[in-house]
Amino acid sequence: MNEADNINEVIQQRKEDINKIESIMRNINEMAKDINQEVYDQGKKLERIDQHVKTAANNVDMANDNLVQANDH
């Protein structure tokens, strides 16, 4: 093998390595998008849970007030 063949072999190997890295980066990008969507979805669920907890707390407060009023009658 002459020097030109060696250089071409090195260039080909680097191209293959770059293609592998590019593929890995695409996979990481897709995973990051999936994680981002999941975090967004979970955030929305937490917001709904928080609202339900607030509503339940308000209902308990009103029920306690009603019980006090009923006891006074």
Protein backbone atom coordinates (compact mmCIF):
# COMPACT_ATOMS: atom_id res chain seq x y z
CA MET A 1 0.00 0.00 0.00
CA ASN A 2 1.30 3.40 -0.85
CA GLU A 3 0.85 6.62 1.09
CA ALA A 4 -2.12 7.76 -1.03
CA ASP A 5 -3.95 4.51 -0.28
CA ASN A 6 -3.30 4.99 3.44
CA ILE A 7 -4.60 8.54 3.32
CA ASN A 8 -7.72 7.42 1.45
CA GLU A 9 -8.29 4.67 4.01
CA VAL A 10 -7.97 7.15 6.88
CA ILE A 11 -10.35 9.55 5.13
CA GLN A 12 -12.89 6.77 4.56
CA GLN A 13 -12.67 5.68 8.21
CA ARG A 14 -13.20 9.26 9.38
CA LYS A 15 -16.23 9.62 7.11
CA GLU A 16 -17.69 6.45 8.62
CA ASP A 17 -16.97 7.71 12.13
CA ILE A 18 -18.61 11.06 11.35
CA ASN A 19 -21.67 9.27 9.99
CA LYS A 20 -21.89 7.19 13.18
CA ILE A 21 -21.58 10.30 15.34
CA GLU A 22 -24.25 12.05 13.27
CA SER A 23 -26.59 9.10 13.73
CA ILE A 24 -25.98 9.06 17.49
CA MET A 25 -26.63 12.81 17.66
CA ARG A 26 -29.92 12.39 15.78
CA ASN A 27 -30.96 9.71 18.28
CA ILE A 28 -30.04 11.95 21.22
CA ASN A 29 -31.99 14.81 19.65
CA GLU A 30 -35.07 12.61 19.28
CA MET A 31 -34.76 11.44 22.89
CA ALA A 32 -34.46 15.05 24.06
CA LYS A 33 -37.63 15.93 22.13
CA ASP A 34 -39.45 12.96 23.69
CA ILE A 35 -38.30 13.95 27.19
CA ASN A 36 -39.34 17.55 26.58
CA GLN A 37 -42.82 16.44 25.52
CA GLU A 38 -43.14 14.14 28.53
CA VAL A 39 -42.08 16.93 30.92
CA TYR A 40 -44.66 19.23 29.32
CA ASP A 41 -47.39 16.59 29.63
CA GLN A 42 -46.48 15.87 33.25
CA GLY A 43 -46.52 19.61 34.01
CA LYS A 44 -50.05 19.88 32.65
CA LYS A 45 -51.13 16.92 34.81
CA LEU A 46 -49.55 18.53 37.88
CA GLU A 47 -51.39 21.78 37.15
CA ARG A 48 -54.71 19.88 37.03
CA ILE A 49 -53.91 18.03 40.25
CA ASP A 50 -53.03 21.32 41.94
CA GLN A 51 -56.33 22.83 40.82
CA HIS A 52 -58.26 19.80 42.12
CA VAL A 53 -56.49 20.06 45.48
CA LYS A 54 -57.36 23.76 45.72
CA THR A 55 -60.99 23.02 44.86
CA ALA A 56 -61.12 20.23 47.42
CA ALA A 57 -59.64 22.52 50.08
CA ASN A 58 -62.24 25.18 49.30
CA ASN A 59 -65.01 22.59 49.49
CA VAL A 60 -63.75 21.41 52.88
CA ASP A 61 -63.69 25.00 54.15
CA MET A 62 -67.25 25.58 52.96
CA ALA A 63 -68.40 22.30 54.48
CA ASN A 64 -66.84 23.26 57.82
CA ASP A 65 -68.63 26.62 57.69
CA ASN A 66 -71.90 24.83 56.93
CA LEU A 67 -71.36 22.46 59.85
CA VAL A 68 -70.73 25.38 62.20
CA GLN A 69 -73.90 27.09 60.98
CA ALA A 70 -75.89 23.89 61.32
CA ASN A 71 -74.57 23.40 64.84
CA ASP A 72 -75.61 26.95 65.75
CA HIS A 73 -79.18 26.27 64.59
